[in-house]
Amino acid sequence: MVRGRNDISLMTLLDGEQVSHFRLREFENRDGLAMVHPSVLLSLERVRRDMSGAFGEETWLIITDAVRTDGDLKRLAARFGWIDEGGKVSRDSKHLTRYGGIAVDLVAVLAESRERVSQPSLGRACRKYFDWVKDDYADGHVHADNRGVLGKS
């Protein structure tokens, strides 16, 4: 891996203030391709802010998966199967590059105690700021996407 690849702070305006709690590398696939839609960054910052306030301590949102190529999707499907064949991988995943970085999989951790936030709590927080959320995965991650931006200029 190239040292410093995608080590770029991502800033967005939240309540009139520039904030930056994410780096481009957090959205990379295994080959270093990184893509994130501005609406996703804003939604993540809002979720992080609300959860930190609710728990009374800094809350980290850890991106476990973001952009995927067709090759990435096929590798996942080989492992977990396609949804239309009884598996867990959608052929039309909103993680695909053609959707412009509108989807993330994530978990949340309380910074001070290192305690993982429950999947239902994270799912509820995400539902306030993302268009679509799925929070029933066995490994405890939450999928969130802003599919509402599709088709908008």
N, C-alpha and C. Protein backbone atom coordinates (compact mmCIF):
# COMPACT_ATOMS: atom_id res chain seq x y z
N MET A 1 0.85 -1.18 0.00
CA MET A 1 0.00 0.00 0.00
C MET A 1 0.89 1.24 0.00
N VAL A 2 0.48 2.23 -0.74
CA VAL A 2 1.20 3.49 -0.82
C VAL A 2 0.96 4.27 0.47
N ARG A 3 2.05 4.69 1.08
CA ARG A 3 1.94 5.46 2.33
C ARG A 3 1.24 6.79 2.06
N GLY A 4 0.28 7.12 2.90
CA GLY A 4 -0.43 8.39 2.79
C GLY A 4 -1.58 8.41 1.79
N ARG A 5 -1.82 7.26 1.15
CA ARG A 5 -2.88 7.19 0.14
C ARG A 5 -4.22 7.55 0.77
N ASN A 6 -4.93 8.47 0.15
CA ASN A 6 -6.26 8.90 0.58
C ASN A 6 -6.29 9.41 2.02
N ASP A 7 -5.15 9.86 2.53
CA ASP A 7 -5.08 10.40 3.89
C ASP A 7 -5.45 11.89 3.85
N ILE A 8 -6.70 12.13 3.53
CA ILE A 8 -7.20 13.48 3.32
C ILE A 8 -8.40 13.72 4.23
N SER A 9 -8.35 14.79 4.99
CA SER A 9 -9.48 15.14 5.86
C SER A 9 -10.65 15.60 5.01
N LEU A 10 -11.83 15.14 5.36
CA LEU A 10 -13.05 15.54 4.66
C LEU A 10 -13.80 16.53 5.54
N MET A 11 -14.09 17.69 5.00
CA MET A 11 -14.78 18.72 5.78
C MET A 11 -16.17 18.95 5.21
N THR A 12 -17.08 19.27 6.11
CA THR A 12 -18.43 19.64 5.70
C THR A 12 -18.96 20.69 6.66
N LEU A 13 -19.95 21.41 6.22
CA LEU A 13 -20.56 22.45 7.03
C LEU A 13 -21.71 21.85 7.83
N LEU A 14 -21.62 21.93 9.15
CA LEU A 14 -22.64 21.39 10.04
C LEU A 14 -23.07 22.49 11.00
N ASP A 15 -24.32 22.91 10.88
CA ASP A 15 -24.85 23.99 11.73
C ASP A 15 -23.97 25.24 11.67
N GLY A 16 -23.53 25.59 10.46
CA GLY A 16 -22.74 26.80 10.26
C GLY A 16 -21.28 26.69 10.62
N GLU A 17 -20.82 25.52 10.98
CA GLU A 17 -19.43 25.32 11.39
C GLU A 17 -18.78 24.23 10.53
N GLN A 18 -17.54 24.48 10.10
CA GLN A 18 -16.79 23.46 9.37
C GLN A 18 -16.36 22.37 10.35
N VAL A 19 -16.69 21.13 10.04
CA VAL A 19 -16.30 20.01 10.89
C VAL A 19 -15.60 18.96 10.03
N SER A 20 -14.74 18.20 10.69
CA SER A 20 -13.99 17.16 9.99
C SER A 20 -13.67 16.03 10.95
N HIS A 21 -14.43 14.95 10.86
CA HIS A 21 -14.19 13.78 11.70
C HIS A 21 -13.92 12.54 10.88
N PHE A 22 -13.82 12.68 9.56
CA PHE A 22 -13.61 11.54 8.68
C PHE A 22 -12.48 11.84 7.70
N ARG A 23 -11.83 10.77 7.25
CA ARG A 23 -10.77 10.88 6.26
C ARG A 23 -11.17 10.04 5.05
N LEU A 24 -10.72 10.46 3.89
CA LEU A 24 -11.09 9.77 2.67
C LEU A 24 -10.73 8.28 2.72
N ARG A 25 -9.62 7.94 3.35
CA ARG A 25 -9.18 6.53 3.39
C ARG A 25 -10.20 5.62 4.09
N GLU A 26 -11.05 6.18 4.94
CA GLU A 26 -12.06 5.37 5.62
C GLU A 26 -13.10 4.82 4.65
N PHE A 27 -13.17 5.39 3.47
CA PHE A 27 -14.17 5.00 2.48
C PHE A 27 -13.57 4.15 1.35
N GLU A 28 -12.32 3.73 1.50
CA GLU A 28 -11.63 2.94 0.48
C GLU A 28 -12.16 1.52 0.37
N ASN A 29 -12.07 0.98 -0.84
CA ASN A 29 -12.24 -0.47 -0.98
C ASN A 29 -10.85 -1.09 -0.83
N ARG A 30 -10.73 -2.37 -0.99
CA ARG A 30 -9.45 -3.03 -0.73
C ARG A 30 -8.35 -2.63 -1.72
N ASP A 31 -8.74 -2.07 -2.87
CA ASP A 31 -7.76 -1.64 -3.87
C ASP A 31 -7.43 -0.16 -3.77
N GLY A 32 -7.99 0.54 -2.80
CA GLY A 32 -7.67 1.95 -2.60
C GLY A 32 -8.61 2.92 -3.28
N LEU A 33 -9.63 2.41 -3.97
CA LEU A 33 -10.62 3.29 -4.57
C LEU A 33 -11.49 3.85 -3.46
N ALA A 34 -11.63 5.17 -3.43
CA ALA A 34 -12.44 5.82 -2.40
C ALA A 34 -13.42 6.77 -3.06
N MET A 35 -14.63 6.75 -2.57
CA MET A 35 -15.68 7.61 -3.10
C MET A 35 -16.70 7.83 -1.99
N VAL A 36 -17.09 9.09 -1.79
CA VAL A 36 -18.13 9.38 -0.80
C VAL A 36 -18.93 10.58 -1.29
N HIS A 37 -20.24 10.44 -1.27
CA HIS A 37 -21.12 11.53 -1.68
C HIS A 37 -21.19 12.56 -0.55
N PRO A 38 -21.23 13.86 -0.87
CA PRO A 38 -21.30 14.88 0.18
C PRO A 38 -22.47 14.69 1.14
N SER A 39 -23.59 14.20 0.66
CA SER A 39 -24.75 14.00 1.54
C SER A 39 -24.47 12.94 2.60
N VAL A 40 -23.67 11.94 2.25
CA VAL A 40 -23.32 10.88 3.20
C VAL A 40 -22.42 11.45 4.29
N LEU A 41 -21.45 12.26 3.90
CA LEU A 41 -20.56 12.87 4.89
C LEU A 41 -21.36 13.73 5.87
N LEU A 42 -22.29 14.52 5.37
CA LEU A 42 -23.11 15.35 6.25
C LEU A 42 -23.98 14.49 7.16
N SER A 43 -24.58 13.44 6.62
CA SER A 43 -25.39 12.54 7.45
C SER A 43 -24.55 11.90 8.54
N LEU A 44 -23.36 11.44 8.20
CA LEU A 44 -22.47 10.83 9.20
C LEU A 44 -22.10 11.82 10.30
N GLU A 45 -21.78 13.04 9.92
CA GLU A 45 -21.43 14.06 10.93
C GLU A 45 -22.61 14.33 11.86
N ARG A 46 -23.81 14.35 11.32
CA ARG A 46 -25.00 14.58 12.16
C ARG A 46 -25.23 13.41 13.11
N VAL A 47 -25.08 12.20 12.61
CA VAL A 47 -25.24 11.02 13.48
C VAL A 47 -24.19 11.04 14.58
N ARG A 48 -22.95 11.32 14.23
CA ARG A 48 -21.86 11.36 15.21
C ARG A 48 -22.13 12.42 16.28
N ARG A 49 -22.56 13.61 15.85
CA ARG A 49 -22.88 14.69 16.79
C ARG A 49 -24.00 14.28 17.75
N ASP A 50 -25.09 13.74 17.21
CA ASP A 50 -26.23 13.36 18.04
C ASP A 50 -25.87 12.24 19.01
N MET A 51 -25.14 11.25 18.54
CA MET A 51 -24.78 10.13 19.41
C MET A 51 -23.81 10.58 20.51
N SER A 52 -22.87 11.43 20.16
CA SER A 52 -21.94 11.95 21.18
C SER A 52 -22.71 12.70 22.26
N GLY A 53 -23.69 13.49 21.85
CA GLY A 53 -24.52 14.20 22.82
C GLY A 53 -25.36 13.26 23.66
N ALA A 54 -25.94 12.27 23.03
CA ALA A 54 -26.81 11.33 23.75
C ALA A 54 -26.04 10.49 24.76
N PHE A 55 -24.81 10.11 24.42
CA PHE A 55 -24.02 9.26 25.31
C PHE A 55 -23.11 10.05 26.24
N GLY A 56 -23.04 11.36 26.04
CA GLY A 56 -22.23 12.20 26.91
C GLY A 56 -20.73 12.00 26.74
N GLU A 57 -20.33 11.43 25.63
CA GLU A 57 -18.90 11.29 25.32
C GLU A 57 -18.74 11.16 23.82
N GLU A 58 -17.55 11.47 23.37
CA GLU A 58 -17.25 11.34 21.94
C GLU A 58 -17.61 9.95 21.45
N THR A 59 -18.31 9.90 20.33
CA THR A 59 -18.68 8.63 19.73
C THR A 59 -18.03 8.54 18.36
N TRP A 60 -17.31 7.44 18.15
CA TRP A 60 -16.65 7.22 16.87
C TRP A 60 -17.57 6.43 15.96
N LEU A 61 -17.70 6.86 14.73
CA LEU A 61 -18.37 6.07 13.71
C LEU A 61 -17.28 5.43 12.87
N ILE A 62 -17.28 4.13 12.82
CA ILE A 62 -16.25 3.38 12.10
C ILE A 62 -16.88 2.81 10.83
N ILE A 63 -16.36 3.26 9.70
CA ILE A 63 -16.86 2.79 8.41
C ILE A 63 -16.25 1.42 8.15
N THR A 64 -17.10 0.41 8.01
CA THR A 64 -16.60 -0.95 7.76
C THR A 64 -16.65 -1.32 6.29
N ASP A 65 -17.41 -0.59 5.50
CA ASP A 65 -17.47 -0.82 4.06
C ASP A 65 -18.12 0.40 3.43
N ALA A 66 -17.65 0.76 2.24
CA ALA A 66 -18.24 1.90 1.54
C ALA A 66 -18.37 1.55 0.06
N VAL A 67 -17.53 2.15 -0.76
CA VAL A 67 -17.65 1.95 -2.21
C VAL A 67 -17.21 0.54 -2.62
N ARG A 68 -17.92 -0.01 -3.60
CA ARG A 68 -17.59 -1.34 -4.13
C ARG A 68 -17.59 -1.30 -5.66
N THR A 69 -16.64 -2.02 -6.23
CA THR A 69 -16.65 -2.24 -7.68
C THR A 69 -17.48 -3.48 -7.96
N ASP A 70 -17.72 -3.76 -9.23
CA ASP A 70 -18.42 -5.00 -9.59
C ASP A 70 -17.62 -6.20 -9.10
N GLY A 71 -16.28 -6.12 -9.19
CA GLY A 71 -15.43 -7.21 -8.69
C GLY A 71 -15.58 -7.42 -7.19
N ASP A 72 -15.64 -6.33 -6.44
CA ASP A 72 -15.85 -6.42 -4.98
C ASP A 72 -17.17 -7.13 -4.69
N LEU A 73 -18.20 -6.76 -5.44
CA LEU A 73 -19.53 -7.32 -5.22
C LEU A 73 -19.54 -8.82 -5.52
N LYS A 74 -18.88 -9.21 -6.59
CA LYS A 74 -18.82 -10.64 -6.95
C LYS A 74 -18.08 -11.45 -5.89
N ARG A 75 -17.02 -10.87 -5.33
CA ARG A 75 -16.28 -11.57 -4.25
C ARG A 75 -17.18 -11.75 -3.03
N LEU A 76 -17.94 -10.72 -2.67
CA LEU A 76 -18.87 -10.83 -1.54
C LEU A 76 -19.95 -11.87 -1.82
N ALA A 77 -20.47 -11.86 -3.03
CA ALA A 77 -21.53 -12.82 -3.38
C ALA A 77 -21.01 -14.25 -3.37
N ALA A 78 -19.75 -14.44 -3.73
CA ALA A 78 -19.17 -15.79 -3.69
C ALA A 78 -19.14 -16.30 -2.25
N ARG A 79 -19.00 -15.37 -1.32
CA ARG A 79 -18.93 -15.72 0.10
C ARG A 79 -20.31 -15.83 0.75
N PHE A 80 -21.20 -14.89 0.43
CA PHE A 80 -22.49 -14.79 1.12
C PHE A 80 -23.70 -15.10 0.24
N GLY A 81 -23.52 -15.19 -1.05
CA GLY A 81 -24.62 -15.47 -1.96
C GLY A 81 -25.42 -14.23 -2.35
N TRP A 82 -26.09 -14.33 -3.49
CA TRP A 82 -26.95 -13.24 -3.97
C TRP A 82 -28.30 -13.30 -3.27
N ILE A 83 -28.89 -12.16 -2.98
CA ILE A 83 -30.19 -12.10 -2.32
C ILE A 83 -31.25 -12.89 -3.09
N ASP A 84 -31.26 -12.73 -4.41
CA ASP A 84 -32.29 -13.41 -5.20
C ASP A 84 -32.09 -14.93 -5.28
N GLU A 85 -30.99 -15.41 -4.68
CA GLU A 85 -30.73 -16.85 -4.60
C GLU A 85 -30.67 -17.29 -3.14
N GLY A 86 -31.24 -16.48 -2.25
CA GLY A 86 -31.28 -16.82 -0.83
C GLY A 86 -30.10 -16.32 -0.02
N GLY A 87 -29.22 -15.54 -0.63
CA GLY A 87 -28.03 -15.03 0.06
C GLY A 87 -28.25 -13.65 0.66
N LYS A 88 -27.14 -12.91 0.82
CA LYS A 88 -27.20 -11.62 1.50
C LYS A 88 -26.72 -10.44 0.66
N VAL A 89 -26.27 -10.69 -0.58
CA VAL A 89 -25.66 -9.62 -1.38
C VAL A 89 -26.61 -9.21 -2.50
N SER A 90 -26.90 -7.91 -2.56
CA SER A 90 -27.78 -7.38 -3.60
C SER A 90 -27.00 -7.14 -4.88
N ARG A 91 -27.56 -7.57 -5.99
CA ARG A 91 -26.93 -7.32 -7.29
C ARG A 91 -26.94 -5.82 -7.62
N ASP A 92 -27.85 -5.09 -7.00
CA ASP A 92 -27.96 -3.65 -7.24
C ASP A 92 -27.55 -2.87 -5.99
N SER A 93 -26.49 -3.31 -5.35
CA SER A 93 -26.01 -2.69 -4.12
C SER A 93 -25.79 -1.19 -4.31
N LYS A 94 -26.27 -0.42 -3.36
CA LYS A 94 -26.05 1.03 -3.40
C LYS A 94 -24.60 1.40 -3.08
N HIS A 95 -23.78 0.41 -2.74
CA HIS A 95 -22.35 0.63 -2.54
C HIS A 95 -21.61 0.74 -3.87
N LEU A 96 -22.21 0.29 -4.96
CA LEU A 96 -21.52 0.26 -6.25
C LEU A 96 -21.10 1.65 -6.70
N THR A 97 -19.97 1.71 -7.40
CA THR A 97 -19.42 2.99 -7.85
C THR A 97 -20.42 3.79 -8.68
N ARG A 98 -21.27 3.10 -9.43
CA ARG A 98 -22.22 3.83 -10.29
C ARG A 98 -23.19 4.70 -9.49
N TYR A 99 -23.30 4.46 -8.19
CA TYR A 99 -24.18 5.27 -7.35
C TYR A 99 -23.45 6.43 -6.67
N GLY A 100 -22.17 6.57 -6.92
CA GLY A 100 -21.46 7.77 -6.50
C GLY A 100 -21.15 7.90 -5.02
N GLY A 101 -21.00 6.79 -4.31
CA GLY A 101 -20.59 6.86 -2.91
C GLY A 101 -21.71 7.22 -1.95
N ILE A 102 -22.92 6.73 -2.23
CA ILE A 102 -24.07 7.10 -1.38
C ILE A 102 -24.29 6.15 -0.21
N ALA A 103 -23.50 5.06 -0.10
CA ALA A 103 -23.78 4.04 0.93
C ALA A 103 -22.56 3.77 1.81
N VAL A 104 -22.84 3.48 3.07
CA VAL A 104 -21.80 3.06 4.01
C VAL A 104 -22.34 1.96 4.91
N ASP A 105 -21.44 1.11 5.35
CA ASP A 105 -21.71 0.18 6.44
C ASP A 105 -20.88 0.70 7.61
N LEU A 106 -21.43 0.68 8.80
CA LEU A 106 -20.71 1.26 9.92
C LEU A 106 -21.10 0.63 11.24
N VAL A 107 -20.24 0.88 12.22
CA VAL A 107 -20.51 0.57 13.62
C VAL A 107 -20.14 1.82 14.41
N ALA A 108 -20.57 1.89 15.66
CA ALA A 108 -20.25 3.03 16.52
C ALA A 108 -19.62 2.53 17.81
N VAL A 109 -18.63 3.29 18.29
CA VAL A 109 -17.90 2.95 19.51
C VAL A 109 -17.77 4.20 20.37
N LEU A 110 -18.01 4.05 21.67
CA LEU A 110 -17.81 5.17 22.60
C LEU A 110 -16.31 5.32 22.83
N ALA A 111 -15.80 6.53 22.59
CA ALA A 111 -14.36 6.75 22.60
C ALA A 111 -13.71 6.49 23.95
N GLU A 112 -14.33 6.95 25.02
CA GLU A 112 -13.72 6.83 26.34
C GLU A 112 -13.73 5.39 26.85
N SER A 113 -14.86 4.76 26.80
CA SER A 113 -15.00 3.41 27.36
C SER A 113 -14.66 2.30 26.37
N ARG A 114 -14.57 2.66 25.08
CA ARG A 114 -14.33 1.69 23.99
C ARG A 114 -15.48 0.68 23.85
N GLU A 115 -16.63 1.02 24.42
CA GLU A 115 -17.80 0.16 24.34
C GLU A 115 -18.50 0.36 22.99
N ARG A 116 -18.87 -0.75 22.38
CA ARG A 116 -19.57 -0.67 21.10
C ARG A 116 -21.03 -0.30 21.35
N VAL A 117 -21.52 0.65 20.57
CA VAL A 117 -22.91 1.07 20.65
C VAL A 117 -23.77 -0.02 20.01
N SER A 118 -24.92 -0.28 20.59
CA SER A 118 -25.78 -1.34 20.07
C SER A 118 -26.25 -1.01 18.65
N GLN A 119 -26.44 -2.06 17.90
CA GLN A 119 -26.93 -1.91 16.52
C GLN A 119 -28.27 -1.17 16.47
N PRO A 120 -29.24 -1.50 17.34
CA PRO A 120 -30.50 -0.75 17.30
C PRO A 120 -30.33 0.74 17.59
N SER A 121 -29.45 1.09 18.52
CA SER A 121 -29.22 2.52 18.83
C SER A 121 -28.61 3.25 17.64
N LEU A 122 -27.63 2.63 17.01
CA LEU A 122 -27.01 3.24 15.84
C LEU A 122 -28.02 3.33 14.69
N GLY A 123 -28.80 2.28 14.50
CA GLY A 123 -29.81 2.29 13.45
C GLY A 123 -30.81 3.42 13.63
N ARG A 124 -31.28 3.63 14.86
CA ARG A 124 -32.23 4.72 15.14
C ARG A 124 -31.61 6.08 14.81
N ALA A 125 -30.36 6.27 15.21
CA ALA A 125 -29.69 7.55 14.94
C ALA A 125 -29.52 7.76 13.43
N CYS A 126 -29.17 6.71 12.72
CA CYS A 126 -28.98 6.81 11.27
C CYS A 126 -30.29 7.12 10.55
N ARG A 127 -31.38 6.59 11.04
CA ARG A 127 -32.68 6.81 10.38
C ARG A 127 -33.08 8.29 10.38
N LYS A 128 -32.55 9.07 11.29
CA LYS A 128 -32.86 10.49 11.33
C LYS A 128 -32.23 11.25 10.17
N TYR A 129 -31.10 10.74 9.64
CA TYR A 129 -30.33 11.52 8.67
C TYR A 129 -30.03 10.80 7.35
N PHE A 130 -30.33 9.53 7.25
CA PHE A 130 -30.13 8.79 6.00
C PHE A 130 -31.49 8.42 5.41
N ASP A 131 -31.51 8.24 4.11
CA ASP A 131 -32.75 7.88 3.42
C ASP A 131 -33.18 6.44 3.67
N TRP A 132 -32.22 5.55 3.81
CA TRP A 132 -32.54 4.12 3.96
C TRP A 132 -31.52 3.48 4.89
N VAL A 133 -32.01 2.71 5.86
CA VAL A 133 -31.15 2.08 6.87
C VAL A 133 -31.58 0.64 7.06
N LYS A 134 -30.61 -0.24 7.18
CA LYS A 134 -30.87 -1.66 7.50
C LYS A 134 -29.98 -2.00 8.69
N ASP A 135 -30.60 -2.47 9.76
CA ASP A 135 -29.84 -2.71 10.99
C ASP A 135 -30.17 -4.06 11.62
N ASP A 136 -30.17 -5.09 10.79
CA ASP A 136 -30.43 -6.43 11.32
C ASP A 136 -29.37 -7.45 10.88
N TYR A 137 -28.16 -6.99 10.65
CA TYR A 137 -27.08 -7.88 10.24
C TYR A 137 -26.52 -8.61 11.46
N ALA A 138 -26.19 -9.88 11.28
CA ALA A 138 -25.71 -10.72 12.37
C ALA A 138 -24.42 -10.20 12.99
N ASP A 139 -23.57 -9.55 12.21
CA ASP A 139 -22.30 -9.07 12.75
C ASP A 139 -22.43 -7.73 13.47
N GLY A 140 -23.63 -7.15 13.49
CA GLY A 140 -23.88 -5.93 14.25
C GLY A 140 -23.68 -4.63 13.51
N HIS A 141 -23.28 -4.66 12.24
CA HIS A 141 -23.10 -3.40 11.51
C HIS A 141 -24.45 -2.86 11.04
N VAL A 142 -24.44 -1.61 10.66
CA VAL A 142 -25.62 -0.93 10.11
C VAL A 142 -25.28 -0.48 8.70
N HIS A 143 -26.20 -0.69 7.78
CA HIS A 143 -26.08 -0.15 6.42
C HIS A 143 -26.92 1.11 6.37
N ALA A 144 -26.35 2.19 5.81
CA ALA A 144 -27.09 3.44 5.64
C ALA A 144 -26.76 4.02 4.27
N ASP A 145 -27.78 4.52 3.60
CA ASP A 145 -27.50 5.17 2.31
C ASP A 145 -28.46 6.32 2.07
N ASN A 146 -28.04 7.18 1.16
CA ASN A 146 -28.84 8.35 0.78
C ASN A 146 -29.30 8.21 -0.67
N ARG A 147 -30.09 7.18 -0.91
CA ARG A 147 -30.57 6.90 -2.27
C ARG A 147 -31.47 8.01 -2.80
N GLY A 148 -31.96 8.88 -1.93
CA GLY A 148 -32.80 9.99 -2.37
C GLY A 148 -32.08 10.98 -3.27
N VAL A 149 -30.74 10.99 -3.25
CA VAL A 149 -29.99 11.90 -4.11
C VAL A 149 -29.90 11.39 -5.54
N LEU A 150 -30.23 10.13 -5.77
CA LEU A 150 -30.14 9.57 -7.12
C LEU A 150 -31.13 10.27 -8.04
N GLY A 151 -30.66 10.61 -9.21
CA GLY A 151 -31.52 11.27 -10.18
C GLY A 151 -31.62 12.78 -9.99
N LYS A 152 -31.01 13.29 -8.93
CA LYS A 152 -31.01 14.74 -8.70
C LYS A 152 -29.71 15.31 -9.25
N SER A 153 -29.78 16.48 -9.84
CA SER A 153 -28.57 17.12 -10.39
C SER A 153 -27.82 17.84 -9.31
